[in-house]
């Protein structure tokens, strides 16, 4: 289909010229839906010792604080209905985790691969180099978390919020995002190439720098964010920009 065009009207009321319509969006209600909150009522204190069965282990309805999890004999970990605080994972090879209906606070998930997250809140957690490629994230809230060199290639995100997070050099290549928001987050070098978006809201991000861009249908930004995005948008369209001459 050809782009929608708005007619210019002369003083006599005749249509005299046409130009492409501007993509203004009037947002009356919340643009991206928030994650659905889930209460975690775990009360079983856990000492941090895993008991893997042929490499698989699970944590169900447990509470743990200031624990270093020895996962050398574990390749797959399921965390459900649990509350973990100040937890790190000691991994020898690769540990793949799924995390459902849980709360994690001030914990380091940098050394693990995450395959699935549902109805979970992360507060002050680290995802430095974390592998979430092809992961499914549904109803997830990240608050004051750090993402650096995080792999979210081909991941599927639905109702996910990154609140006051530091997001640096994160790869969302070929990802699918629906109802995702970034309020107060600082975003640098975000790869959105081939990303598919439905109601993705960057308006309230404190900083926004995109490293690679494909189509941005379904993405919403504020007008005052456009100047910082101008170079990335120009390069994504193949537009040549003259390099400024050095002084002198």
C-alpha atoms as a PDB file:
ATOM      1  CA  UNK A   1       0.000   0.000   0.000  1.00  0.00           C
ATOM      2  CA  UNK A   2       1.155   3.526  -0.683  1.00  0.00           C
ATOM      3  CA  UNK A   3       1.725   5.824   2.303  1.00  0.00           C
ATOM      4  CA  UNK A   4      -1.198   7.909   3.544  1.00  0.00           C
ATOM      5  CA  UNK A   5      -1.028  11.413   2.151  1.00  0.00           C
ATOM      6  CA  UNK A   6      -2.502  14.610   3.558  1.00  0.00           C
ATOM      7  CA  UNK A   7      -3.698  17.259   1.070  1.00  0.00           C
ATOM      8  CA  UNK A   8      -2.590  20.873   1.385  1.00  0.00           C
ATOM      9  CA  UNK A   9      -5.573  23.201   1.018  1.00  0.00           C
ATOM     10  CA  UNK A  10      -5.428  26.705  -0.531  1.00  0.00           C
ATOM     11  CA  UNK A  11      -7.395  29.691   0.700  1.00  0.00           C
ATOM     12  CA  UNK A  12      -9.990  28.877  -1.934  1.00  0.00           C
ATOM     13  CA  UNK A  13     -10.460  25.444  -0.418  1.00  0.00           C
ATOM     14  CA  UNK A  14      -8.891  23.586  -3.326  1.00  0.00           C
ATOM     15  CA  UNK A  15      -6.404  20.752  -2.802  1.00  0.00           C
ATOM     16  CA  UNK A  16      -3.186  21.932  -4.346  1.00  0.00           C
ATOM     17  CA  UNK A  17      -0.405  19.598  -3.129  1.00  0.00           C
ATOM     18  CA  UNK A  18       0.193  16.353  -1.364  1.00  0.00           C
ATOM     19  CA  UNK A  19       2.812  15.196   1.111  1.00  0.00           C
ATOM     20  CA  UNK A  20       3.304  12.171   3.369  1.00  0.00           C
ATOM     21  CA  UNK A  21       1.335  12.281   6.613  1.00  0.00           C
ATOM     22  CA  UNK A  22       3.368  12.733   9.799  1.00  0.00           C
ATOM     23  CA  UNK A  23       3.343   9.717  12.161  1.00  0.00           C
ATOM     24  CA  UNK A  24       1.877  11.622  15.109  1.00  0.00           C
ATOM     25  CA  UNK A  25       0.247   9.424  17.725  1.00  0.00           C
ATOM     26  CA  UNK A  26      -2.149  10.725  20.374  1.00  0.00           C
ATOM     27  CA  UNK A  27      -1.825   8.453  23.415  1.00  0.00           C
ATOM     28  CA  UNK A  28      -4.779   8.865  25.752  1.00  0.00           C
ATOM     29  CA  UNK A  29      -4.221   5.768  27.884  1.00  0.00           C
ATOM     30  CA  UNK A  30      -1.186   3.680  28.750  1.00  0.00           C
ATOM     31  CA  UNK A  31       0.554   2.718  25.528  1.00  0.00           C
ATOM     32  CA  UNK A  32       2.279  -0.494  26.663  1.00  0.00           C
ATOM     33  CA  UNK A  33       0.484  -2.786  29.109  1.00  0.00           C
ATOM     34  CA  UNK A  34       2.256  -3.332  32.436  1.00  0.00           C
ATOM     35  CA  UNK A  35       3.389  -6.760  33.660  1.00  0.00           C
ATOM     36  CA  UNK A  36       0.774  -8.671  35.617  1.00  0.00           C
ATOM     37  CA  UNK A  37       1.879  -8.713  39.257  1.00  0.00           C
ATOM     38  CA  UNK A  38       2.143 -11.987  41.165  1.00  0.00           C
ATOM     39  CA  UNK A  39       2.524 -12.319  44.940  1.00  0.00           C
ATOM     40  CA  UNK A  40       5.288 -14.630  46.132  1.00  0.00           C
ATOM     41  CA  UNK A  41       4.576 -16.139  49.553  1.00  0.00           C
ATOM     42  CA  UNK A  42       7.482 -18.549  49.957  1.00  0.00           C
ATOM     43  CA  UNK A  43       8.550 -19.226  53.562  1.00  0.00           C
ATOM     44  CA  UNK A  44      10.720 -22.354  53.414  1.00  0.00           C
ATOM     45  CA  UNK A  45      14.311 -21.307  54.254  1.00  0.00           C
ATOM     46  CA  UNK A  46      16.832 -22.855  51.857  1.00  0.00           C
ATOM     47  CA  UNK A  47      20.475 -23.473  52.771  1.00  0.00           C
ATOM     48  CA  UNK A  48      21.765 -23.155  49.213  1.00  0.00           C
ATOM     49  CA  UNK A  49      22.551 -26.825  48.590  1.00  0.00           C
ATOM     50  CA  UNK A  50      21.316 -28.207  45.275  1.00  0.00           C
ATOM     51  CA  UNK A  51      20.480 -31.885  44.840  1.00  0.00           C
ATOM     52  CA  UNK A  52      20.681 -32.447  41.064  1.00  0.00           C
ATOM     53  CA  UNK A  53      19.123 -35.505  39.442  1.00  0.00           C
ATOM     54  CA  UNK A  54      21.049 -36.262  36.239  1.00  0.00           C
ATOM     55  CA  UNK A  55      21.949 -32.599  35.995  1.00  0.00           C
ATOM     56  CA  UNK A  56      18.476 -31.213  36.760  1.00  0.00           C
ATOM     57  CA  UNK A  57      17.462 -29.466  39.991  1.00  0.00           C
ATOM     58  CA  UNK A  58      14.558 -27.322  41.201  1.00  0.00           C
ATOM     59  CA  UNK A  59      13.798 -24.706  43.828  1.00  0.00           C
ATOM     60  CA  UNK A  60      10.115 -24.532  44.747  1.00  0.00           C
ATOM     61  CA  UNK A  61       8.589 -22.098  47.255  1.00  0.00           C
ATOM     62  CA  UNK A  62      11.887 -21.371  49.018  1.00  0.00           C
ATOM     63  CA  UNK A  63      13.486 -18.286  50.551  1.00  0.00           C
ATOM     64  CA  UNK A  64      17.244 -17.736  50.378  1.00  0.00           C
ATOM     65  CA  UNK A  65      19.488 -14.826  51.283  1.00  0.00           C
ATOM     66  CA  UNK A  66      23.228 -14.254  50.843  1.00  0.00           C
ATOM     67  CA  UNK A  67      23.768 -17.652  49.250  1.00  0.00           C
ATOM     68  CA  UNK A  68      26.356 -18.761  46.711  1.00  0.00           C
ATOM     69  CA  UNK A  69      24.771 -21.565  44.720  1.00  0.00           C
ATOM     70  CA  UNK A  70      27.189 -24.332  43.765  1.00  0.00           C
ATOM     71  CA  UNK A  71      25.860 -25.445  40.378  1.00  0.00           C
ATOM     72  CA  UNK A  72      28.905 -27.377  39.157  1.00  0.00           C
ATOM     73  CA  UNK A  73      26.892 -30.629  38.902  1.00  0.00           C
ATOM     74  CA  UNK A  74      23.765 -28.924  37.588  1.00  0.00           C
ATOM     75  CA  UNK A  75      22.998 -28.122  33.951  1.00  0.00           C
ATOM     76  CA  UNK A  76      19.282 -27.263  34.272  1.00  0.00           C
ATOM     77  CA  UNK A  77      17.645 -25.373  37.134  1.00  0.00           C
ATOM     78  CA  UNK A  78      13.967 -24.598  37.659  1.00  0.00           C
ATOM     79  CA  UNK A  79      13.053 -21.801  40.105  1.00  0.00           C
ATOM     80  CA  UNK A  80       9.351 -21.499  40.962  1.00  0.00           C
ATOM     81  CA  UNK A  81       7.497 -19.501  43.600  1.00  0.00           C
ATOM     82  CA  UNK A  82      10.729 -18.510  45.329  1.00  0.00           C
ATOM     83  CA  UNK A  83      12.298 -15.386  46.791  1.00  0.00           C
ATOM     84  CA  UNK A  84      16.085 -15.049  46.418  1.00  0.00           C
ATOM     85  CA  UNK A  85      18.208 -12.185  47.684  1.00  0.00           C
ATOM     86  CA  UNK A  86      21.959 -11.540  47.312  1.00  0.00           C
ATOM     87  CA  UNK A  87      22.422 -14.798  45.411  1.00  0.00           C
ATOM     88  CA  UNK A  88      25.204 -15.704  42.977  1.00  0.00           C
ATOM     89  CA  UNK A  89      25.627 -18.793  40.823  1.00  0.00           C
ATOM     90  CA  UNK A  90      28.906 -20.712  40.807  1.00  0.00           C
ATOM     91  CA  UNK A  91      28.897 -22.441  37.412  1.00  0.00           C
ATOM     92  CA  UNK A  92      31.499 -24.722  35.864  1.00  0.00           C
ATOM     93  CA  UNK A  93      30.147 -25.187  32.330  1.00  0.00           C
ATOM     94  CA  UNK A  94      26.685 -23.915  31.393  1.00  0.00           C
ATOM     95  CA  UNK A  95      23.643 -23.648  33.618  1.00  0.00           C
ATOM     96  CA  UNK A  96      20.261 -23.099  31.978  1.00  0.00           C
ATOM     97  CA  UNK A  97      17.534 -21.709  34.229  1.00  0.00           C
ATOM     98  CA  UNK A  98      13.807 -21.125  33.971  1.00  0.00           C
ATOM     99  CA  UNK A  99      12.333 -18.728  36.530  1.00  0.00           C
ATOM    100  CA  UNK A 100       8.590 -18.580  37.187  1.00  0.00           C
ATOM    101  CA  UNK A 101       6.498 -16.627  39.724  1.00  0.00           C
ATOM    102  CA  UNK A 102       9.529 -15.546  41.755  1.00  0.00           C
ATOM    103  CA  UNK A 103      11.344 -12.500  43.141  1.00  0.00           C
ATOM    104  CA  UNK A 104      15.103 -12.014  42.820  1.00  0.00           C
ATOM    105  CA  UNK A 105      16.892  -9.097  44.476  1.00  0.00           C
ATOM    106  CA  UNK A 106      20.531  -7.960  44.277  1.00  0.00           C
ATOM    107  CA  UNK A 107      21.485 -11.225  42.585  1.00  0.00           C
ATOM    108  CA  UNK A 108      24.014 -11.916  39.836  1.00  0.00           C
ATOM    109  CA  UNK A 109      22.706 -13.897  36.853  1.00  0.00           C
ATOM    110  CA  UNK A 110      25.652 -13.105  34.605  1.00  0.00           C
ATOM    111  CA  UNK A 111      27.051 -16.638  34.493  1.00  0.00           C
ATOM    112  CA  UNK A 112      23.889 -18.471  33.474  1.00  0.00           C
ATOM    113  CA  UNK A 113      21.660 -18.960  30.456  1.00  0.00           C
ATOM    114  CA  UNK A 114      18.007 -18.075  30.984  1.00  0.00           C
ATOM    115  CA  UNK A 115      15.495 -19.894  28.795  1.00  0.00           C
ATOM    116  CA  UNK A 116      12.174 -18.773  30.261  1.00  0.00           C
ATOM    117  CA  UNK A 117      10.916 -16.148  32.729  1.00  0.00           C
ATOM    118  CA  UNK A 118       7.293 -15.717  33.770  1.00  0.00           C
ATOM    119  CA  UNK A 119       5.573 -13.520  36.340  1.00  0.00           C
ATOM    120  CA  UNK A 120       8.848 -12.560  38.009  1.00  0.00           C
ATOM    121  CA  UNK A 121      10.370  -9.378  39.445  1.00  0.00           C
ATOM    122  CA  UNK A 122      14.107  -8.632  39.437  1.00  0.00           C
ATOM    123  CA  UNK A 123      15.392  -5.785  41.611  1.00  0.00           C
ATOM    124  CA  UNK A 124      19.007  -4.625  41.485  1.00  0.00           C
ATOM    125  CA  UNK A 125      20.166  -7.727  39.594  1.00  0.00           C
ATOM    126  CA  UNK A 126      23.104  -8.063  37.190  1.00  0.00           C
ATOM    127  CA  UNK A 127      22.811  -9.486  33.674  1.00  0.00           C
ATOM    128  CA  UNK A 128      26.347  -8.911  32.389  1.00  0.00           C
ATOM    129  CA  UNK A 129      26.908 -11.224  29.428  1.00  0.00           C
ATOM    130  CA  UNK A 130      23.793 -13.210  30.329  1.00  0.00           C
ATOM    131  CA  UNK A 131      22.508 -15.427  27.518  1.00  0.00           C
ATOM    132  CA  UNK A 132      18.768 -14.992  26.964  1.00  0.00           C
ATOM    133  CA  UNK A 133      18.813 -15.861  23.269  1.00  0.00           C
ATOM    134  CA  UNK A 134      15.453 -17.300  22.162  1.00  0.00           C
ATOM    135  CA  UNK A 135      14.139 -16.941  25.720  1.00  0.00           C
ATOM    136  CA  UNK A 136      10.492 -16.248  26.476  1.00  0.00           C
ATOM    137  CA  UNK A 137       9.789 -13.445  28.950  1.00  0.00           C
ATOM    138  CA  UNK A 138       6.187 -12.911  30.025  1.00  0.00           C
ATOM    139  CA  UNK A 139       4.993 -10.521  32.749  1.00  0.00           C
ATOM    140  CA  UNK A 140       8.486  -9.593  33.925  1.00  0.00           C
ATOM    141  CA  UNK A 141       9.600  -6.427  35.740  1.00  0.00           C
ATOM    142  CA  UNK A 142      13.245  -5.411  35.921  1.00  0.00           C
ATOM    143  CA  UNK A 143      13.926  -2.619  38.422  1.00  0.00           C
ATOM    144  CA  UNK A 144      17.342  -0.956  38.827  1.00  0.00           C
ATOM    145  CA  UNK A 145      18.992  -3.859  36.999  1.00  0.00           C
ATOM    146  CA  UNK A 146      22.206  -3.758  34.958  1.00  0.00           C
ATOM    147  CA  UNK A 147      22.342  -5.204  31.438  1.00  0.00           C
ATOM    148  CA  UNK A 148      25.665  -5.217  29.585  1.00  0.00           C
ATOM    149  CA  UNK A 149      26.604  -7.381  26.586  1.00  0.00           C
ATOM    150  CA  UNK A 150      23.322  -9.203  27.192  1.00  0.00           C
ATOM    151  CA  UNK A 151      22.152 -11.545  24.441  1.00  0.00           C
ATOM    152  CA  UNK A 152      18.411 -11.311  23.739  1.00  0.00           C
ATOM    153  CA  UNK A 153      18.600 -12.402  20.117  1.00  0.00           C
ATOM    154  CA  UNK A 154      15.360 -13.931  18.858  1.00  0.00           C
ATOM    155  CA  UNK A 155      13.847 -13.625  22.344  1.00  0.00           C
ATOM    156  CA  UNK A 156      10.098 -13.093  22.786  1.00  0.00           C
ATOM    157  CA  UNK A 157       9.077 -10.432  25.308  1.00  0.00           C
ATOM    158  CA  UNK A 158       5.464  -9.786  26.331  1.00  0.00           C
ATOM    159  CA  UNK A 159       4.418  -7.355  29.075  1.00  0.00           C
ATOM    160  CA  UNK A 160       7.963  -6.590  30.206  1.00  0.00           C
ATOM    161  CA  UNK A 161       9.111  -3.417  31.942  1.00  0.00           C
ATOM    162  CA  UNK A 162      12.681  -2.177  32.365  1.00  0.00           C
ATOM    163  CA  UNK A 163      12.353   0.426  35.143  1.00  0.00           C
ATOM    164  CA  UNK A 164      15.374   2.596  35.975  1.00  0.00           C
ATOM    165  CA  UNK A 165      17.746   0.068  34.391  1.00  0.00           C
ATOM    166  CA  UNK A 166      21.196   0.541  32.839  1.00  0.00           C
ATOM    167  CA  UNK A 167      21.119  -1.063  29.381  1.00  0.00           C
ATOM    168  CA  UNK A 168      24.423  -1.008  27.507  1.00  0.00           C
ATOM    169  CA  UNK A 169      25.369  -2.934  24.345  1.00  0.00           C
ATOM    170  CA  UNK A 170      22.335  -5.229  24.458  1.00  0.00           C
ATOM    171  CA  UNK A 171      21.415  -7.335  21.430  1.00  0.00           C
ATOM    172  CA  UNK A 172      17.710  -7.643  20.504  1.00  0.00           C
ATOM    173  CA  UNK A 173      18.346  -8.786  16.929  1.00  0.00           C
ATOM    174  CA  UNK A 174      15.309 -10.563  15.463  1.00  0.00           C
ATOM    175  CA  UNK A 175      13.496 -10.321  18.809  1.00  0.00           C
ATOM    176  CA  UNK A 176       9.728  -9.962  19.211  1.00  0.00           C
ATOM    177  CA  UNK A 177       8.498  -7.391  21.729  1.00  0.00           C
ATOM    178  CA  UNK A 178       4.908  -6.722  22.740  1.00  0.00           C
ATOM    179  CA  UNK A 179       3.906  -4.292  25.503  1.00  0.00           C
ATOM    180  CA  UNK A 180       7.447  -3.410  26.595  1.00  0.00           C
ATOM    181  CA  UNK A 181       8.397  -0.198  28.414  1.00  0.00           C
ATOM    182  CA  UNK A 182      11.657   1.448  29.526  1.00  0.00           C
ATOM    183  CA  UNK A 183      10.731   4.149  32.101  1.00  0.00           C
ATOM    184  CA  UNK A 184      13.735   6.052  33.552  1.00  0.00           C
ATOM    185  CA  UNK A 185      16.190   3.616  31.938  1.00  0.00           C
ATOM    186  CA  UNK A 186      19.515   4.647  30.398  1.00  0.00           C
ATOM    187  CA  UNK A 187      19.917   2.911  27.050  1.00  0.00           C
ATOM    188  CA  UNK A 188      23.104   2.883  24.953  1.00  0.00           C
ATOM    189  CA  UNK A 189      24.078   0.754  21.959  1.00  0.00           C
ATOM    190  CA  UNK A 190      20.809  -1.133  21.682  1.00  0.00           C
ATOM    191  CA  UNK A 191      20.577  -3.386  18.615  1.00  0.00           C
ATOM    192  CA  UNK A 192      17.018  -3.462  17.243  1.00  0.00           C
ATOM    193  CA  UNK A 193      17.842  -4.845  13.800  1.00  0.00           C
ATOM    194  CA  UNK A 194      14.993  -7.047  12.480  1.00  0.00           C
ATOM    195  CA  UNK A 195      13.119  -6.558  15.744  1.00  0.00           C
ATOM    196  CA  UNK A 196       9.318  -6.828  15.559  1.00  0.00           C
ATOM    197  CA  UNK A 197       7.437  -4.515  17.905  1.00  0.00           C
ATOM    198  CA  UNK A 198       3.898  -4.077  19.163  1.00  0.00           C
ATOM    199  CA  UNK A 199       3.420  -1.229  21.650  1.00  0.00           C
ATOM    200  CA  UNK A 200       7.068  -0.729  22.626  1.00  0.00           C
ATOM    201  CA  UNK A 201       7.410   2.503  24.607  1.00  0.00           C
ATOM    202  CA  UNK A 202      10.717   4.420  24.869  1.00  0.00           C
ATOM    203  CA  UNK A 203       9.172   7.798  25.778  1.00  0.00           C
ATOM    204  CA  UNK A 204      10.170   7.812  29.445  1.00  0.00           C
ATOM    205  CA  UNK A 205      13.734   6.552  28.968  1.00  0.00           C
ATOM    206  CA  UNK A 206      16.290   8.980  30.431  1.00  0.00           C
ATOM    207  CA  UNK A 207      18.775   8.176  27.657  1.00  0.00           C
ATOM    208  CA  UNK A 208      18.193   6.479  24.318  1.00  0.00           C
ATOM    209  CA  UNK A 209      20.918   5.445  21.874  1.00  0.00           C
ATOM    210  CA  UNK A 210      20.266   2.834  19.212  1.00  0.00           C
ATOM    211  CA  UNK A 211      23.181   1.031  17.561  1.00  0.00           C
ATOM    212  CA  UNK A 212      21.321  -0.784  14.777  1.00  0.00           C
ATOM    213  CA  UNK A 213      17.801  -0.285  13.495  1.00  0.00           C
ATOM    214  CA  UNK A 214      15.526  -2.182  11.200  1.00  0.00           C
ATOM    215  CA  UNK A 215      11.835  -1.326  11.003  1.00  0.00           C
ATOM    216  CA  UNK A 216      10.386   0.546  13.962  1.00  0.00           C
ATOM    217  CA  UNK A 217       6.678  -0.072  13.397  1.00  0.00           C
ATOM    218  CA  UNK A 218       5.009  -0.341  16.800  1.00  0.00           C
ATOM    219  CA  UNK A 219       7.686   1.707  18.618  1.00  0.00           C
ATOM    220  CA  UNK A 220       6.804   5.000  20.314  1.00  0.00           C
ATOM    221  CA  UNK A 221       9.226   7.796  21.233  1.00  0.00           C
ATOM    222  CA  UNK A 222       8.759  11.346  22.473  1.00  0.00           C
ATOM    223  CA  UNK A 223       9.355  14.284  20.146  1.00  0.00           C
ATOM    224  CA  UNK A 224      12.314  15.548  22.183  1.00  0.00           C
ATOM    225  CA  UNK A 225      14.086  12.182  21.723  1.00  0.00           C
ATOM    226  CA  UNK A 226      14.269  12.537  17.946  1.00  0.00           C
ATOM    227  CA  UNK A 227      17.470  14.663  17.834  1.00  0.00           C
ATOM    228  CA  UNK A 228      19.460  11.997  19.697  1.00  0.00           C
ATOM    229  CA  UNK A 229      18.152   9.341  17.306  1.00  0.00           C
ATOM    230  CA  UNK A 230      18.790  11.308  14.101  1.00  0.00           C
ATOM    231  CA  UNK A 231      22.162   9.762  13.209  1.00  0.00           C
ATOM    232  CA  UNK A 232      21.044   6.189  13.889  1.00  0.00           C
ATOM    233  CA  UNK A 233      17.911   6.735  11.798  1.00  0.00           C
ATOM    234  CA  UNK A 234      19.893   8.316   8.963  1.00  0.00           C
ATOM    235  CA  UNK A 235      22.434   5.472   8.833  1.00  0.00           C
ATOM    236  CA  UNK A 236      19.686   2.828   8.963  1.00  0.00           C
ATOM    237  CA  UNK A 237      18.156   4.417   5.836  1.00  0.00           C
ATOM    238  CA  UNK A 238      21.514   4.525   4.056  1.00  0.00           C
ATOM    239  CA  UNK A 239      21.587   8.313   4.134  1.00  0.00           C
ATOM    240  CA  UNK A 240      25.092   9.724   3.753  1.00  0.00           C
ATOM    241  CA  UNK A 241      26.064  12.399   6.273  1.00  0.00           C
ATOM    242  CA  UNK A 242      29.026  14.669   5.625  1.00  0.00           C
ATOM    243  CA  UNK A 243      31.655  14.372   8.336  1.00  0.00           C
ATOM    244  CA  UNK A 244      32.254  17.725  10.076  1.00  0.00           C
ATOM    245  CA  UNK A 245      35.530  19.378   9.164  1.00  0.00           C
ATOM    246  CA  UNK A 246      38.167  19.552  11.887  1.00  0.00           C
ATOM    247  CA  UNK A 247      38.785  23.033  13.263  1.00  0.00           C
ATOM    248  CA  UNK A 248      41.721  24.783  11.641  1.00  0.00           C
END
